Structure formats: structure tokens, C-alpha cells
Amino acid sequence: MGTTADALGLGPQFEFEGTTYTLAPWTYAVQAKFERYLEDQAVQAVKRMSLPEDERRDLIKEVYRDIAAGSYSFGSELVAQALRSLKHLKHLFFLALQVNHPGVTKDLVEKMFEQQLEELLQKMTQANADPTTGPAPSTPTSPAPTTT
């Protein structure tokens, strides 16, 4: 992707099964949808637990307290932990892909990840790189040979 495209936040393109897709950066709208997704995941996890009703109610209160406190907001430790999970990373990719391709399905994203995981992770990194900073300076991995 060129510098101008980076600066405009157009997102990188990739091909899958003969179709070209453009991955959007993590806009505030994408981030907000991901936050809501994580909040819902937490609530649903508590509801699935087989706990006595009073314990479940207390745990749900804690989850809602965490939500109100911003624990599921982008930049939080909980979001950072979630992004280490392939399941949640796929969902974030799905949300970013939907920006330019509203008809995309979770099943399609699953297939994409099965077949092109490394490329898609690289594209997500590329889509969210800061365009105002240049590439990191390269450093040699081994000293240059010396002649004597």
C-alpha cells in the first residue's frame, strides 16, 4: 500500500478465492463494535456457568461494573488479552472487513484464516500501522566481516 493510501486509511488489499478484499483500519466504529462484542462475550460466559443463582447474579454485577468502568475499552488490558486469542482476532478482522464488504460472513472469514492466516495477520498489522512514522531503522543481525 502506498504512503497516500496509508495516510487516508484506505486499508490494504488481499485476494481470496479470486476476489479482492480491502481491509479497513480499526476505526472508532470498528473498535466500538469490538468492545460491545467482548462485553457480550463476558455476559454470555457468566450466563452459561452452572452456578447458584445468587453467585451468578453477583458475577453478572461484577461484569457490568467492569463494563461501566471501561475494562472492555480499546487500549485496556482485557482487550489486549482478547487480541491474543485467535477467536477474538478473527472477529475483529471480520468487523474490519465488513466496513468495505458488508456481505462478508463469519464463515468466509473462518475459511480465509484457515488458508491465509499469516497473510491476513500481516494485512491487519498493515491496516493499523501509523502512517506518520517511517519504518523502523534496520539493524544488522551480525557484525560485518573484518579483514586483517
N, C-alpha and C. Protein backbone atom coordinates (compact mmCIF):
# COMPACT_ATOMS: atom_id res chain seq x y z
N MET A 1 0.85 -1.17 0.00
CA MET A 1 0.00 0.00 0.00
C MET A 1 0.89 1.23 0.00
N GLY A 2 0.53 2.24 -0.77
CA GLY A 2 1.32 3.44 -0.86
C GLY A 2 1.13 4.36 0.33
N THR A 3 2.03 5.31 0.46
CA THR A 3 2.00 6.25 1.58
C THR A 3 0.71 7.05 1.62
N THR A 4 0.22 7.50 0.48
CA THR A 4 -1.02 8.28 0.45
C THR A 4 -2.19 7.41 0.89
N ALA A 5 -2.27 6.19 0.41
CA ALA A 5 -3.34 5.28 0.82
C ALA A 5 -3.27 5.02 2.32
N ASP A 6 -2.05 4.86 2.85
CA ASP A 6 -1.87 4.67 4.29
C ASP A 6 -2.41 5.87 5.05
N ALA A 7 -2.02 7.07 4.60
CA ALA A 7 -2.42 8.30 5.29
C ALA A 7 -3.94 8.49 5.25
N LEU A 8 -4.57 8.05 4.18
CA LEU A 8 -6.02 8.17 4.06
C LEU A 8 -6.77 7.04 4.75
N GLY A 9 -6.04 6.06 5.27
CA GLY A 9 -6.67 4.95 5.96
C GLY A 9 -7.50 4.05 5.06
N LEU A 10 -7.05 3.88 3.81
CA LEU A 10 -7.81 3.06 2.88
C LEU A 10 -7.73 1.58 3.18
N GLY A 11 -6.68 1.16 3.79
CA GLY A 11 -6.53 -0.25 4.14
C GLY A 11 -5.91 -1.06 3.04
N PRO A 12 -5.21 -2.11 3.40
CA PRO A 12 -4.55 -2.96 2.41
C PRO A 12 -5.54 -3.90 1.72
N GLN A 13 -5.14 -4.38 0.57
CA GLN A 13 -5.96 -5.32 -0.18
C GLN A 13 -5.31 -6.69 -0.15
N PHE A 14 -6.15 -7.71 -0.27
CA PHE A 14 -5.67 -9.08 -0.40
C PHE A 14 -6.67 -9.83 -1.26
N GLU A 15 -6.21 -10.94 -1.79
CA GLU A 15 -7.07 -11.74 -2.66
C GLU A 15 -7.40 -13.05 -1.98
N PHE A 16 -8.64 -13.48 -2.14
CA PHE A 16 -9.06 -14.77 -1.62
C PHE A 16 -10.08 -15.37 -2.58
N GLU A 17 -9.79 -16.56 -3.07
CA GLU A 17 -10.65 -17.29 -4.00
C GLU A 17 -11.10 -16.41 -5.17
N GLY A 18 -10.15 -15.66 -5.74
CA GLY A 18 -10.41 -14.88 -6.92
C GLY A 18 -11.09 -13.54 -6.69
N THR A 19 -11.34 -13.17 -5.45
CA THR A 19 -11.95 -11.88 -5.13
C THR A 19 -10.96 -11.03 -4.36
N THR A 20 -10.90 -9.75 -4.69
CA THR A 20 -10.02 -8.82 -3.98
C THR A 20 -10.82 -8.15 -2.87
N TYR A 21 -10.26 -8.17 -1.67
CA TYR A 21 -10.89 -7.57 -0.49
C TYR A 21 -10.01 -6.43 0.01
N THR A 22 -10.64 -5.42 0.58
CA THR A 22 -9.93 -4.30 1.21
C THR A 22 -10.26 -4.31 2.69
N LEU A 23 -9.24 -4.43 3.49
CA LEU A 23 -9.40 -4.47 4.95
C LEU A 23 -9.32 -3.06 5.51
N ALA A 24 -10.36 -2.63 6.20
CA ALA A 24 -10.39 -1.29 6.78
C ALA A 24 -9.56 -1.25 8.06
N PRO A 25 -9.01 -0.10 8.39
CA PRO A 25 -8.33 0.06 9.67
C PRO A 25 -9.34 0.00 10.81
N TRP A 26 -8.85 -0.10 12.03
CA TRP A 26 -9.71 -0.15 13.21
C TRP A 26 -10.22 1.26 13.51
N THR A 27 -11.26 1.66 12.81
CA THR A 27 -11.87 2.95 13.06
C THR A 27 -12.54 2.92 14.43
N TYR A 28 -12.99 4.09 14.89
CA TYR A 28 -13.72 4.12 16.16
C TYR A 28 -14.97 3.24 16.09
N ALA A 29 -15.62 3.21 14.94
CA ALA A 29 -16.82 2.38 14.80
C ALA A 29 -16.47 0.90 14.94
N VAL A 30 -15.39 0.46 14.31
CA VAL A 30 -14.95 -0.93 14.42
C VAL A 30 -14.57 -1.24 15.86
N GLN A 31 -13.83 -0.34 16.49
CA GLN A 31 -13.43 -0.54 17.88
C GLN A 31 -14.65 -0.64 18.80
N ALA A 32 -15.63 0.22 18.57
CA ALA A 32 -16.84 0.21 19.41
C ALA A 32 -17.59 -1.12 19.26
N LYS A 33 -17.70 -1.61 18.03
CA LYS A 33 -18.37 -2.89 17.81
C LYS A 33 -17.61 -4.03 18.49
N PHE A 34 -16.28 -3.95 18.45
CA PHE A 34 -15.47 -4.99 19.10
C PHE A 34 -15.63 -4.93 20.61
N GLU A 35 -15.67 -3.74 21.17
CA GLU A 35 -15.89 -3.60 22.61
C GLU A 35 -17.23 -4.21 23.01
N ARG A 36 -18.28 -3.91 22.25
CA ARG A 36 -19.61 -4.47 22.54
C ARG A 36 -19.59 -6.00 22.43
N TYR A 37 -18.88 -6.49 21.44
CA TYR A 37 -18.74 -7.94 21.26
C TYR A 37 -18.08 -8.57 22.50
N LEU A 38 -17.00 -7.98 22.98
CA LEU A 38 -16.32 -8.52 24.16
C LEU A 38 -17.20 -8.44 25.40
N GLU A 39 -17.93 -7.34 25.55
CA GLU A 39 -18.84 -7.21 26.68
C GLU A 39 -19.89 -8.32 26.64
N ASP A 40 -20.45 -8.55 25.47
CA ASP A 40 -21.46 -9.60 25.32
C ASP A 40 -20.86 -10.98 25.59
N GLN A 41 -19.63 -11.20 25.13
CA GLN A 41 -18.97 -12.48 25.39
C GLN A 41 -18.84 -12.73 26.89
N ALA A 42 -18.50 -11.69 27.64
CA ALA A 42 -18.35 -11.82 29.10
C ALA A 42 -19.69 -12.14 29.76
N VAL A 43 -20.72 -11.43 29.38
CA VAL A 43 -22.06 -11.65 29.95
C VAL A 43 -22.54 -13.06 29.62
N GLN A 44 -22.38 -13.47 28.36
CA GLN A 44 -22.84 -14.80 27.95
C GLN A 44 -22.06 -15.91 28.66
N ALA A 45 -20.77 -15.69 28.91
CA ALA A 45 -19.97 -16.68 29.62
C ALA A 45 -20.50 -16.89 31.03
N VAL A 46 -20.86 -15.81 31.70
CA VAL A 46 -21.41 -15.93 33.05
C VAL A 46 -22.74 -16.67 33.01
N LYS A 47 -23.57 -16.34 32.05
CA LYS A 47 -24.89 -16.98 31.95
C LYS A 47 -24.79 -18.48 31.69
N ARG A 48 -23.72 -18.91 31.02
CA ARG A 48 -23.54 -20.34 30.73
C ARG A 48 -23.05 -21.13 31.93
N MET A 49 -22.49 -20.43 32.90
CA MET A 49 -21.93 -21.12 34.06
C MET A 49 -23.04 -21.74 34.91
N SER A 50 -22.76 -22.94 35.40
CA SER A 50 -23.74 -23.57 36.29
C SER A 50 -23.37 -23.19 37.73
N LEU A 51 -23.93 -22.07 38.15
CA LEU A 51 -23.68 -21.53 39.49
C LEU A 51 -25.02 -21.35 40.20
N PRO A 52 -24.99 -21.33 41.52
CA PRO A 52 -26.21 -20.96 42.23
C PRO A 52 -26.63 -19.55 41.80
N GLU A 53 -27.92 -19.30 41.79
CA GLU A 53 -28.47 -18.04 41.27
C GLU A 53 -27.85 -16.81 41.92
N ASP A 54 -27.63 -16.82 43.22
CA ASP A 54 -27.06 -15.65 43.89
C ASP A 54 -25.62 -15.39 43.45
N GLU A 55 -24.84 -16.45 43.23
CA GLU A 55 -23.47 -16.29 42.75
C GLU A 55 -23.44 -15.76 41.32
N ARG A 56 -24.34 -16.29 40.49
CA ARG A 56 -24.43 -15.82 39.10
C ARG A 56 -24.80 -14.34 39.07
N ARG A 57 -25.77 -13.95 39.89
CA ARG A 57 -26.21 -12.55 39.95
C ARG A 57 -25.04 -11.65 40.38
N ASP A 58 -24.27 -12.09 41.38
CA ASP A 58 -23.12 -11.31 41.84
C ASP A 58 -22.06 -11.19 40.74
N LEU A 59 -21.85 -12.29 40.04
CA LEU A 59 -20.85 -12.29 38.97
C LEU A 59 -21.29 -11.39 37.81
N ILE A 60 -22.56 -11.43 37.48
CA ILE A 60 -23.09 -10.54 36.42
C ILE A 60 -22.91 -9.09 36.85
N LYS A 61 -23.16 -8.78 38.11
CA LYS A 61 -22.96 -7.42 38.61
C LYS A 61 -21.51 -6.99 38.44
N GLU A 62 -20.57 -7.91 38.71
CA GLU A 62 -19.15 -7.59 38.53
C GLU A 62 -18.83 -7.31 37.06
N VAL A 63 -19.39 -8.10 36.17
CA VAL A 63 -19.15 -7.90 34.74
C VAL A 63 -19.69 -6.54 34.32
N TYR A 64 -20.92 -6.20 34.76
CA TYR A 64 -21.49 -4.90 34.41
C TYR A 64 -20.69 -3.76 35.03
N ARG A 65 -20.15 -3.97 36.20
CA ARG A 65 -19.29 -2.96 36.83
C ARG A 65 -18.03 -2.76 35.99
N ASP A 66 -17.46 -3.87 35.52
CA ASP A 66 -16.27 -3.78 34.65
C ASP A 66 -16.59 -3.05 33.35
N ILE A 67 -17.78 -3.33 32.79
CA ILE A 67 -18.19 -2.66 31.56
C ILE A 67 -18.30 -1.16 31.81
N ALA A 68 -18.97 -0.79 32.90
CA ALA A 68 -19.14 0.63 33.23
C ALA A 68 -17.80 1.31 33.50
N ALA A 69 -16.85 0.56 34.02
CA ALA A 69 -15.53 1.12 34.33
C ALA A 69 -14.64 1.22 33.10
N GLY A 70 -15.09 0.68 31.97
CA GLY A 70 -14.30 0.76 30.75
C GLY A 70 -13.28 -0.35 30.60
N SER A 71 -13.45 -1.42 31.34
CA SER A 71 -12.48 -2.52 31.26
C SER A 71 -12.44 -3.20 29.90
N TYR A 72 -13.51 -3.06 29.12
CA TYR A 72 -13.56 -3.66 27.79
C TYR A 72 -13.31 -2.64 26.69
N SER A 73 -12.76 -1.50 27.05
CA SER A 73 -12.46 -0.44 26.08
C SER A 73 -11.14 -0.69 25.39
N PHE A 74 -11.06 -0.27 24.14
CA PHE A 74 -9.81 -0.42 23.39
C PHE A 74 -8.68 0.24 24.15
N GLY A 75 -7.56 -0.45 24.22
CA GLY A 75 -6.41 0.05 24.97
C GLY A 75 -6.32 -0.56 26.36
N SER A 76 -7.38 -1.22 26.82
CA SER A 76 -7.37 -1.83 28.14
C SER A 76 -6.62 -3.15 28.12
N GLU A 77 -6.26 -3.62 29.28
CA GLU A 77 -5.57 -4.90 29.40
C GLU A 77 -6.46 -6.05 28.93
N LEU A 78 -7.76 -5.98 29.23
CA LEU A 78 -8.67 -7.05 28.80
C LEU A 78 -8.74 -7.15 27.27
N VAL A 79 -8.75 -6.01 26.59
CA VAL A 79 -8.76 -6.04 25.12
C VAL A 79 -7.43 -6.58 24.62
N ALA A 80 -6.34 -6.17 25.22
CA ALA A 80 -5.02 -6.69 24.82
C ALA A 80 -4.97 -8.21 24.98
N GLN A 81 -5.52 -8.71 26.07
CA GLN A 81 -5.57 -10.17 26.27
C GLN A 81 -6.45 -10.83 25.22
N ALA A 82 -7.59 -10.22 24.93
CA ALA A 82 -8.51 -10.79 23.94
C ALA A 82 -7.85 -10.87 22.57
N LEU A 83 -7.02 -9.89 22.24
CA LEU A 83 -6.38 -9.88 20.93
C LEU A 83 -5.27 -10.93 20.81
N ARG A 84 -4.94 -11.59 21.90
CA ARG A 84 -4.00 -12.71 21.85
C ARG A 84 -4.73 -14.01 21.53
N SER A 85 -6.05 -13.96 21.48
CA SER A 85 -6.88 -15.12 21.18
C SER A 85 -7.28 -15.08 19.71
N LEU A 86 -7.04 -16.15 19.00
CA LEU A 86 -7.37 -16.20 17.58
C LEU A 86 -8.88 -16.01 17.36
N LYS A 87 -9.69 -16.53 18.26
CA LYS A 87 -11.14 -16.38 18.14
C LYS A 87 -11.53 -14.91 18.09
N HIS A 88 -11.01 -14.12 19.01
CA HIS A 88 -11.36 -12.71 19.08
C HIS A 88 -10.70 -11.92 17.95
N LEU A 89 -9.49 -12.30 17.58
CA LEU A 89 -8.79 -11.65 16.48
C LEU A 89 -9.57 -11.84 15.17
N LYS A 90 -10.11 -13.03 14.98
CA LYS A 90 -10.94 -13.29 13.80
C LYS A 90 -12.17 -12.39 13.79
N HIS A 91 -12.76 -12.20 14.95
CA HIS A 91 -13.95 -11.36 15.00
C HIS A 91 -13.60 -9.91 14.67
N LEU A 92 -12.49 -9.43 15.18
CA LEU A 92 -12.06 -8.07 14.87
C LEU A 92 -11.76 -7.93 13.38
N PHE A 93 -11.14 -8.93 12.80
CA PHE A 93 -10.87 -8.94 11.36
C PHE A 93 -12.19 -8.89 10.60
N PHE A 94 -13.16 -9.70 11.03
CA PHE A 94 -14.49 -9.72 10.42
C PHE A 94 -15.12 -8.33 10.44
N LEU A 95 -15.05 -7.64 11.58
CA LEU A 95 -15.62 -6.30 11.70
C LEU A 95 -14.93 -5.32 10.76
N ALA A 96 -13.60 -5.42 10.66
CA ALA A 96 -12.84 -4.51 9.79
C ALA A 96 -13.12 -4.82 8.32
N LEU A 97 -13.33 -6.07 8.00
CA LEU A 97 -13.62 -6.45 6.62
C LEU A 97 -15.03 -6.02 6.21
N GLN A 98 -15.97 -6.06 7.15
CA GLN A 98 -17.35 -5.67 6.88
C GLN A 98 -17.48 -4.20 6.46
N VAL A 99 -16.55 -3.36 6.86
CA VAL A 99 -16.62 -1.94 6.50
C VAL A 99 -16.70 -1.78 4.99
N ASN A 100 -15.85 -2.49 4.27
CA ASN A 100 -15.81 -2.39 2.81
C ASN A 100 -16.58 -3.49 2.09
N HIS A 101 -16.93 -4.53 2.84
CA HIS A 101 -17.62 -5.69 2.25
C HIS A 101 -18.75 -6.12 3.19
N PRO A 102 -19.85 -5.37 3.20
CA PRO A 102 -20.94 -5.64 4.14
C PRO A 102 -21.53 -7.05 4.08
N GLY A 103 -21.40 -7.71 2.95
CA GLY A 103 -21.96 -9.05 2.81
C GLY A 103 -21.07 -10.18 3.30
N VAL A 104 -19.89 -9.85 3.78
CA VAL A 104 -18.96 -10.88 4.23
C VAL A 104 -19.56 -11.62 5.43
N THR A 105 -19.29 -12.92 5.51
CA THR A 105 -19.83 -13.72 6.61
C THR A 105 -18.70 -14.21 7.52
N LYS A 106 -19.08 -14.60 8.71
CA LYS A 106 -18.09 -15.16 9.64
C LYS A 106 -17.52 -16.47 9.10
N ASP A 107 -18.35 -17.23 8.40
CA ASP A 107 -17.86 -18.48 7.79
C ASP A 107 -16.78 -18.21 6.76
N LEU A 108 -16.97 -17.16 5.96
CA LEU A 108 -15.96 -16.81 4.96
C LEU A 108 -14.66 -16.40 5.64
N VAL A 109 -14.76 -15.60 6.70
CA VAL A 109 -13.56 -15.18 7.43
C VAL A 109 -12.86 -16.41 8.02
N GLU A 110 -13.62 -17.36 8.50
CA GLU A 110 -13.04 -18.60 9.03
C GLU A 110 -12.24 -19.32 7.95
N LYS A 111 -12.80 -19.43 6.75
CA LYS A 111 -12.09 -20.06 5.63
C LYS A 111 -10.82 -19.28 5.28
N MET A 112 -10.94 -17.95 5.27
CA MET A 112 -9.77 -17.12 4.97
C MET A 112 -8.64 -17.39 5.96
N PHE A 113 -9.00 -17.45 7.25
CA PHE A 113 -7.98 -17.67 8.27
C PHE A 113 -7.38 -19.07 8.17
N GLU A 114 -8.19 -20.05 7.81
CA GLU A 114 -7.67 -21.41 7.64
C GLU A 114 -6.63 -21.48 6.53
N GLN A 115 -6.85 -20.71 5.47
CA GLN A 115 -5.99 -20.81 4.29
C GLN A 115 -4.88 -19.76 4.21
N GLN A 116 -5.09 -18.59 4.83
CA GLN A 116 -4.13 -17.49 4.65
C GLN A 116 -3.82 -16.78 5.96
N LEU A 117 -3.70 -17.50 7.04
CA LEU A 117 -3.53 -16.90 8.36
C LEU A 117 -2.42 -15.87 8.41
N GLU A 118 -1.23 -16.23 8.03
CA GLU A 118 -0.09 -15.31 8.14
C GLU A 118 -0.29 -14.04 7.32
N GLU A 119 -0.78 -14.20 6.10
CA GLU A 119 -1.01 -13.03 5.24
C GLU A 119 -2.06 -12.11 5.86
N LEU A 120 -3.13 -12.68 6.40
CA LEU A 120 -4.20 -11.86 6.97
C LEU A 120 -3.74 -11.12 8.22
N LEU A 121 -2.94 -11.78 9.04
CA LEU A 121 -2.40 -11.10 10.22
C LEU A 121 -1.48 -9.95 9.80
N GLN A 122 -0.71 -10.18 8.75
CA GLN A 122 0.17 -9.12 8.23
C GLN A 122 -0.67 -7.97 7.69
N LYS A 123 -1.75 -8.26 7.00
CA LYS A 123 -2.63 -7.22 6.45
C LYS A 123 -3.30 -6.42 7.57
N MET A 124 -3.67 -7.10 8.66
CA MET A 124 -4.28 -6.38 9.78
C MET A 124 -3.27 -5.44 10.43
N THR A 125 -2.04 -5.89 10.55
CA THR A 125 -0.98 -5.03 11.08
C THR A 125 -0.76 -3.84 10.16
N GLN A 126 -0.72 -4.10 8.88
CA GLN A 126 -0.52 -3.05 7.88
C GLN A 126 -1.67 -2.05 7.91
N ALA A 127 -2.89 -2.51 8.06
CA ALA A 127 -4.06 -1.63 8.07
C ALA A 127 -4.05 -0.67 9.25
N ASN A 128 -3.38 -1.07 10.33
CA ASN A 128 -3.43 -0.28 11.55
C ASN A 128 -2.10 0.35 11.92
N ALA A 129 -1.14 0.30 11.00
CA ALA A 129 0.15 0.94 11.25
C ALA A 129 -0.02 2.46 11.20
N ASP A 130 0.75 3.15 11.98
CA ASP A 130 0.72 4.62 12.00
C ASP A 130 1.41 5.13 10.74
N PRO A 131 0.68 5.78 9.84
CA PRO A 131 1.29 6.22 8.58
C PRO A 131 2.23 7.40 8.75
N THR A 132 2.24 8.02 9.91
CA THR A 132 3.11 9.19 10.11
C THR A 132 4.50 8.79 10.57
N THR A 133 4.69 7.52 10.87
CA THR A 133 6.02 7.08 11.27
C THR A 133 6.62 6.24 10.15
N GLY A 134 7.88 6.39 9.96
CA GLY A 134 8.56 5.62 8.92
C GLY A 134 8.86 4.23 9.44
N PRO A 135 9.40 3.40 8.60
CA PRO A 135 9.78 2.06 9.05
C PRO A 135 10.88 2.14 10.08
N ALA A 136 10.92 1.16 10.95
CA ALA A 136 11.96 1.12 11.97
C ALA A 136 13.31 0.98 11.28
N PRO A 137 14.33 1.67 11.81
CA PRO A 137 15.65 1.54 11.18
C PRO A 137 16.13 0.11 11.29
N SER A 138 16.76 -0.33 10.22
CA SER A 138 17.25 -1.70 10.24
C SER A 138 18.56 -1.74 11.01
N THR A 139 18.74 -2.83 11.70
CA THR A 139 19.98 -3.03 12.44
C THR A 139 20.58 -4.34 11.99
N PRO A 140 21.88 -4.36 11.82
CA PRO A 140 22.49 -5.61 11.36
C PRO A 140 22.32 -6.69 12.42
N THR A 141 22.11 -7.92 11.95
CA THR A 141 21.94 -9.03 12.88
C THR A 141 23.28 -9.64 13.27
N SER A 142 24.29 -9.40 12.48
CA SER A 142 25.62 -9.89 12.82
C SER A 142 26.65 -8.85 12.36
N PRO A 143 27.76 -8.79 13.03
CA PRO A 143 28.74 -7.79 12.63
C PRO A 143 29.29 -8.06 11.24
N ALA A 144 29.69 -7.00 10.58
CA ALA A 144 30.26 -7.13 9.24
C ALA A 144 31.61 -7.83 9.34
N PRO A 145 31.93 -8.62 8.35
CA PRO A 145 33.22 -9.32 8.40
C PRO A 145 34.37 -8.31 8.35
N THR A 146 35.40 -8.64 9.06
CA THR A 146 36.57 -7.77 9.08
C THR A 146 37.70 -8.47 8.34
N THR A 147 38.55 -7.66 7.76
CA THR A 147 39.70 -8.23 7.07
C THR A 147 40.95 -7.84 7.85
N THR A 148 41.88 -8.71 7.92
CA THR A 148 43.13 -8.42 8.61
C THR A 148 44.31 -8.61 7.74
